[in-house]
């Protein structure tokens, strides 16, 4: 049975649109389960808003995944970027400074990760696990052990009313799609992800390309942090505490294998983020406890990985 499913998923058409069908199926399921309340315009708007920050971080992560590099510290990186952006706003009272602070923080952390990986000759995934603990300590230090940073809600609401979060997401996804799927830059990244030795032999500067991939991932982290601040207007120790799981789940549900490589697709970040938001919002609307929602999300994650295992093994 699993082999038949894998064979169907390997069809290019099915592989590209399968995540969309999963998303649509979940929408119909929750619409029926909630008596139509789930597809009310107000709730669908809420779902989209919930998906934007995750979609931005996940889209950047897809570019990084295309090189077969993974990071388990996307949530911690986003949290630190949020704090940097919040302090930038509180210091200058400028929303532009806040956005630039978030992006700068995200880029710095992601470039630091790939730089340390190269310096210590350590796999990025292993290093990111250590990074998770370090970033949590930095987060607690920056927040003085637990204080909240409150921003001007009116100004954050004004940015939302300008549709800035949606604009950020649309522009970033389009740019990443052009770079990863329609340019020599993207082909080089995917070649590194599928066969790094071969990519070196054909003259690709792998270290420089990896730095660019992580820089783009850092921009996604920064934009995701900025959108988070626009929505919440506050930062605490619990800010984006589920981002790691959300991003990993979004990327995999969107159709990109965990090991990345040539099958990495930019739209997987968007489809996946929407699917995660639909799943979380729908389960909450039908009265499922938050603990069980996390368990169900985990089961989804394991099931999707199991169904894509053969495709990932090809890239091993």
Protein backbone atom coordinates (compact mmCIF):
# COMPACT_ATOMS: atom_id res chain seq x y z
CA UNK A 1 0.00 0.00 0.00
CA UNK A 2 2.78 2.39 0.97
CA UNK A 3 4.65 1.66 -2.28
CA UNK A 4 1.53 2.53 -4.30
CA UNK A 5 1.15 5.81 -2.42
CA UNK A 6 4.82 6.63 -2.99
CA UNK A 7 4.50 5.86 -6.71
CA UNK A 8 1.53 8.21 -6.97
CA UNK A 9 3.36 10.94 -5.02
CA UNK A 10 6.37 10.68 -7.36
CA UNK A 11 4.19 11.85 -10.27
CA UNK A 12 5.30 15.49 -10.86
CA UNK A 13 1.74 16.80 -11.13
CA UNK A 14 0.55 14.99 -8.00
CA UNK A 15 3.70 15.94 -6.11
CA UNK A 16 3.18 19.63 -6.79
CA UNK A 17 -0.55 19.83 -6.08
CA UNK A 18 -0.88 17.14 -3.38
CA UNK A 19 -0.26 19.64 -0.52
CA UNK A 20 -3.02 21.87 -1.91
CA UNK A 21 -5.44 18.93 -1.97
CA UNK A 22 -4.55 18.09 1.65
CA UNK A 23 -5.19 21.70 2.64
CA UNK A 24 -8.52 21.75 0.80
CA UNK A 25 -9.55 18.44 2.35
CA UNK A 26 -8.85 19.74 5.86
CA UNK A 27 -10.87 22.89 5.14
CA UNK A 28 -13.86 20.83 4.01
CA UNK A 29 -13.51 18.51 7.00
CA UNK A 30 -13.51 21.33 9.54
CA UNK A 31 -16.25 23.19 7.67
CA UNK A 32 -18.50 20.15 8.05
CA UNK A 33 -17.36 19.50 11.63
CA UNK A 34 -18.10 23.06 12.79
CA UNK A 35 -21.35 23.47 10.89
CA UNK A 36 -19.82 26.00 8.49
CA UNK A 37 -18.31 28.25 11.18
CA UNK A 38 -14.77 27.38 10.06
CA UNK A 39 -15.22 28.88 6.58
CA UNK A 40 -16.76 32.13 7.79
CA UNK A 41 -14.78 35.07 6.31
CA UNK A 42 -13.68 36.30 9.73
CA UNK A 43 -12.20 32.92 10.67
CA UNK A 44 -10.52 32.41 7.29
CA UNK A 45 -8.91 35.84 7.68
CA UNK A 46 -7.66 34.75 11.08
CA UNK A 47 -6.22 31.55 9.57
CA UNK A 48 -4.36 33.51 6.88
CA UNK A 49 -2.96 35.93 9.45
CA UNK A 50 -1.80 33.02 11.61
CA UNK A 51 -0.07 31.45 8.61
CA UNK A 52 1.87 34.51 7.43
CA UNK A 53 4.71 34.49 9.98
CA UNK A 54 5.17 30.73 9.70
CA UNK A 55 4.98 30.97 5.90
CA UNK A 56 7.77 33.55 5.77
CA UNK A 57 10.10 31.55 8.02
CA UNK A 58 9.21 28.30 6.24
CA UNK A 59 9.83 29.80 2.79
CA UNK A 60 13.32 30.87 3.85
CA UNK A 61 13.81 27.44 5.38
CA UNK A 62 12.96 25.77 2.05
CA UNK A 63 15.83 27.66 0.38
CA UNK A 64 18.13 26.42 3.14
CA UNK A 65 16.68 22.88 2.91
CA UNK A 66 17.45 22.82 -0.82
CA UNK A 67 21.12 22.50 0.16
CA UNK A 68 20.26 19.52 2.42
CA UNK A 69 20.97 21.65 5.49
CA UNK A 70 18.42 21.69 8.28
CA UNK A 71 18.10 23.83 11.38
CA UNK A 72 16.18 22.97 14.54
CA UNK A 73 16.63 26.51 15.86
CA UNK A 74 14.27 28.43 13.56
CA UNK A 75 11.97 29.20 16.47
CA UNK A 76 14.77 30.44 18.72
CA UNK A 77 16.20 32.50 15.87
CA UNK A 78 12.80 34.10 15.24
CA UNK A 79 12.36 34.86 18.95
CA UNK A 80 15.73 36.63 19.15
CA UNK A 81 14.93 38.57 15.98
CA UNK A 82 11.62 39.62 17.59
CA UNK A 83 13.44 40.89 20.67
CA UNK A 84 16.01 42.82 18.61
CA UNK A 85 13.22 44.38 16.55
CA UNK A 86 11.24 45.24 19.68
CA UNK A 87 14.23 46.97 21.31
CA UNK A 88 14.89 48.83 18.05
CA UNK A 89 11.32 50.15 18.10
CA UNK A 90 11.36 51.03 21.81
CA UNK A 91 14.64 52.90 21.32
CA UNK A 92 13.69 54.85 18.19
CA UNK A 93 9.87 54.68 18.14
CA UNK A 94 10.28 53.83 14.45
CA UNK A 95 8.50 50.94 12.76
CA UNK A 96 11.13 50.98 9.99
CA UNK A 97 13.86 50.49 12.61
CA UNK A 98 11.83 47.62 14.07
CA UNK A 99 11.56 45.85 10.72
CA UNK A 100 15.24 46.40 9.89
CA UNK A 101 16.21 45.22 13.38
CA UNK A 102 14.23 42.01 12.92
CA UNK A 103 15.75 41.33 9.50
CA UNK A 104 19.26 42.18 10.67
CA UNK A 105 18.88 39.93 13.69
CA UNK A 106 17.60 37.03 11.60
CA UNK A 107 20.42 37.35 9.06
CA UNK A 108 23.08 37.59 11.77
CA UNK A 109 21.89 34.46 13.59
CA UNK A 110 21.58 32.34 10.43
CA UNK A 111 24.98 33.44 9.08
CA UNK A 112 26.48 32.76 12.52
CA UNK A 113 25.06 29.23 12.37
CA UNK A 114 26.56 28.37 8.97
CA UNK A 115 29.82 30.12 9.90
CA UNK A 116 30.22 28.11 13.11
CA UNK A 117 29.27 24.95 11.24
CA UNK A 118 32.12 25.54 8.83
CA UNK A 119 34.59 26.62 11.54
CA UNK A 120 33.84 23.69 13.85
CA UNK A 121 33.32 21.23 10.97
CA UNK A 122 29.98 20.29 12.52
CA UNK A 123 26.71 19.37 10.82
CA UNK A 124 24.28 22.29 10.85
CA UNK A 125 21.48 20.17 12.32
CA UNK A 126 23.62 19.07 15.27
CA UNK A 127 24.86 22.62 15.80
CA UNK A 128 21.30 23.97 15.69
CA UNK A 129 20.29 21.64 18.53
CA UNK A 130 23.01 23.25 20.65
CA UNK A 131 21.89 26.64 19.32
CA UNK A 132 18.38 26.02 20.65
CA UNK A 133 19.68 26.01 24.24
CA UNK A 134 22.00 28.97 23.67
CA UNK A 135 19.30 31.06 22.02
CA UNK A 136 16.89 30.31 24.86
CA UNK A 137 19.50 31.55 27.35
CA UNK A 138 20.07 34.69 25.27
CA UNK A 139 16.31 35.22 25.06
CA UNK A 140 15.97 35.04 28.86
CA UNK A 141 18.93 37.40 29.28
CA UNK A 142 17.55 39.97 26.84
CA UNK A 143 14.17 39.84 28.60
CA UNK A 144 15.78 40.16 32.05
CA UNK A 145 14.59 36.73 33.10
CA UNK A 146 10.96 37.10 32.08
CA UNK A 147 9.75 40.66 31.50
CA UNK A 148 7.49 41.50 28.56
CA UNK A 149 8.29 44.11 25.93
CA UNK A 150 5.15 46.01 24.92
CA UNK A 151 5.04 47.97 21.68
CA UNK A 152 2.67 50.69 20.52
CA UNK A 153 -0.39 48.64 19.56
CA UNK A 154 -1.87 51.45 17.45
CA UNK A 155 1.24 51.63 15.28
CA UNK A 156 1.39 47.84 14.90
CA UNK A 157 -2.30 47.82 13.94
CA UNK A 158 -1.62 50.53 11.39
CA UNK A 159 1.00 48.33 9.73
CA UNK A 160 -1.52 45.49 9.61
CA UNK A 161 -4.15 47.74 8.08
CA UNK A 162 -1.63 48.59 5.36
CA UNK A 163 -1.53 44.83 4.59
CA UNK A 164 2.21 44.91 5.19
CA UNK A 165 2.37 41.30 6.51
CA UNK A 166 0.66 39.97 3.38
CA UNK A 167 2.84 42.16 1.16
CA UNK A 168 6.01 40.91 2.85
CA UNK A 169 4.91 37.32 2.37
CA UNK A 170 3.90 37.72 -1.28
CA UNK A 171 7.09 39.56 -2.29
CA UNK A 172 9.39 37.21 -0.39
CA UNK A 173 7.75 34.08 -1.83
CA UNK A 174 7.92 35.44 -5.39
CA UNK A 175 11.59 36.43 -5.04
CA UNK A 176 12.50 33.05 -3.52
CA UNK A 177 10.59 31.22 -6.25
CA UNK A 178 12.44 33.10 -8.99
CA UNK A 179 15.80 32.47 -7.31
CA UNK A 180 15.29 28.82 -6.40
CA UNK A 181 13.24 27.49 -9.30
CA UNK A 182 13.98 29.73 -12.30
CA UNK A 183 17.62 30.78 -12.01
CA UNK A 184 21.14 29.31 -12.12
CA UNK A 185 21.42 30.29 -8.45
CA UNK A 186 18.66 27.84 -7.49
CA UNK A 187 20.06 25.08 -9.68
CA UNK A 188 23.41 25.43 -7.93
CA UNK A 189 21.79 25.20 -4.50
CA UNK A 190 19.87 22.07 -5.46
CA UNK A 191 22.99 20.49 -6.94
CA UNK A 192 24.77 21.11 -3.65
CA UNK A 193 21.83 19.50 -1.86
CA UNK A 194 21.78 16.42 -4.07
CA UNK A 195 25.53 15.92 -4.53
CA UNK A 196 27.89 18.37 -2.86
CA UNK A 197 31.03 16.60 -4.08
CA UNK A 198 29.87 16.81 -7.67
CA UNK A 199 28.99 20.49 -7.25
CA UNK A 200 32.55 21.23 -6.12
CA UNK A 201 33.98 19.31 -9.07
CA UNK A 202 32.02 21.43 -11.56
CA UNK A 203 33.43 24.61 -10.00
CA UNK A 204 30.64 25.76 -7.67
CA UNK A 205 31.84 27.69 -4.63
CA UNK A 206 29.76 25.70 -2.15
CA UNK A 207 30.67 27.77 0.91
CA UNK A 208 29.61 31.00 -0.73
CA UNK A 209 26.37 29.46 -2.01
CA UNK A 210 25.58 28.08 1.45
CA UNK A 211 26.16 31.52 2.93
CA UNK A 212 23.68 33.00 0.45
CA UNK A 213 21.13 30.27 1.24
CA UNK A 214 21.39 30.95 4.97
CA UNK A 215 21.24 34.71 4.38
CA UNK A 216 17.92 34.25 2.55
CA UNK A 217 16.71 32.00 5.38
CA UNK A 218 17.73 34.78 7.78
CA UNK A 219 15.63 37.30 5.83
CA UNK A 220 12.67 34.93 6.15
CA UNK A 221 13.29 34.67 9.91
CA UNK A 222 13.49 38.46 10.19
CA UNK A 223 10.33 39.09 8.18
CA UNK A 224 8.51 36.41 10.18
CA UNK A 225 9.63 38.13 13.38
CA UNK A 226 8.44 41.52 12.11
CA UNK A 227 5.02 40.11 11.19
CA UNK A 228 4.80 38.47 14.63
CA UNK A 229 5.41 41.85 16.28
CA UNK A 230 2.79 43.50 14.08
CA UNK A 231 0.22 40.92 15.17
CA UNK A 232 0.99 40.72 18.88
CA UNK A 233 2.65 44.09 19.69
CA UNK A 234 4.46 42.34 22.54
CA UNK A 235 7.38 40.01 23.17
CA UNK A 236 7.70 37.50 25.99
CA UNK A 237 9.43 34.21 26.73
CA UNK A 238 6.51 32.43 25.07
CA UNK A 239 6.74 34.37 21.81
CA UNK A 240 6.88 32.00 18.78
CA UNK A 241 7.48 29.08 21.17
CA UNK A 242 5.91 26.68 18.65
CA UNK A 243 7.71 28.08 15.60
CA UNK A 244 10.23 25.22 15.33
CA UNK A 245 7.50 22.61 15.06
CA UNK A 246 5.33 24.83 12.86
CA UNK A 247 8.12 25.44 10.34
CA UNK A 248 9.22 21.80 10.13
CA UNK A 249 5.60 20.67 9.81
CA UNK A 250 4.87 23.35 7.20
CA UNK A 251 7.88 22.46 5.03
CA UNK A 252 7.12 18.72 5.10
CA UNK A 253 3.34 19.08 4.70
CA UNK A 254 4.02 21.44 1.83
CA UNK A 255 5.84 18.70 -0.08
CA UNK A 256 9.55 19.34 0.53
CA UNK A 257 11.41 16.27 1.84
CA UNK A 258 13.09 16.66 5.22
CA UNK A 259 16.48 16.22 3.56
CA UNK A 260 15.69 18.83 0.94
CA UNK A 261 17.74 18.69 -2.24
CA UNK A 262 16.30 18.82 -5.75
CA UNK A 263 12.72 18.28 -4.58
CA UNK A 264 12.65 21.48 -2.51
CA UNK A 265 9.76 23.70 -3.67
CA UNK A 266 9.25 27.28 -2.54
CA UNK A 267 5.48 27.00 -2.49
CA UNK A 268 5.76 24.19 0.05
CA UNK A 269 6.40 26.81 2.73
CA UNK A 270 3.17 28.64 1.86
CA UNK A 271 0.93 25.59 1.38
CA UNK A 272 2.40 24.00 4.50
CA UNK A 273 1.95 27.09 6.65
CA UNK A 274 -1.69 27.37 5.57
CA UNK A 275 -2.23 23.67 6.30
CA UNK A 276 -0.69 24.02 9.77
CA UNK A 277 -2.86 27.07 10.52
CA UNK A 278 -5.99 25.29 9.25
CA UNK A 279 -5.20 22.19 11.31
CA UNK A 280 -4.48 24.14 14.50
CA UNK A 281 -7.41 26.53 14.14
CA UNK A 282 -9.86 23.79 13.16
CA UNK A 283 -8.93 21.50 16.04
CA UNK A 284 -9.25 24.43 18.43
CA UNK A 285 -12.70 25.33 17.07
CA UNK A 286 -14.05 21.81 17.63
CA UNK A 287 -12.89 21.93 21.25
CA UNK A 288 -9.74 19.78 21.18
CA UNK A 289 -7.43 20.47 24.14
CA UNK A 290 -4.16 22.29 23.33
CA UNK A 291 -2.10 19.30 24.51
CA UNK A 292 -3.94 16.96 22.15
CA UNK A 293 -3.60 19.46 19.30
CA UNK A 294 0.19 19.25 19.67
CA UNK A 295 -0.04 15.44 19.71
CA UNK A 296 -2.14 15.37 16.54
CA UNK A 297 0.27 17.75 14.81
CA UNK A 298 3.13 15.45 15.76
CA UNK A 299 1.30 12.46 14.32
CA UNK A 300 0.74 14.40 11.09
CA UNK A 301 4.45 15.17 10.95
CA UNK A 302 5.50 11.54 11.44
CA UNK A 303 2.93 10.27 8.91
CA UNK A 304 4.05 12.67 6.17
CA UNK A 305 7.72 11.83 6.75
CA UNK A 306 6.90 8.11 6.58
CA UNK A 307 5.09 8.58 3.26
CA UNK A 308 8.01 10.54 1.78
CA UNK A 309 10.73 8.25 3.14
CA UNK A 310 11.58 6.65 -0.20
CA UNK A 311 11.86 10.02 -1.92
CA UNK A 312 14.23 11.22 0.81
CA UNK A 313 16.37 8.09 0.61
CA UNK A 314 17.11 8.81 -3.04
CA UNK A 315 18.93 11.96 -1.90
CA UNK A 316 20.96 10.18 0.78
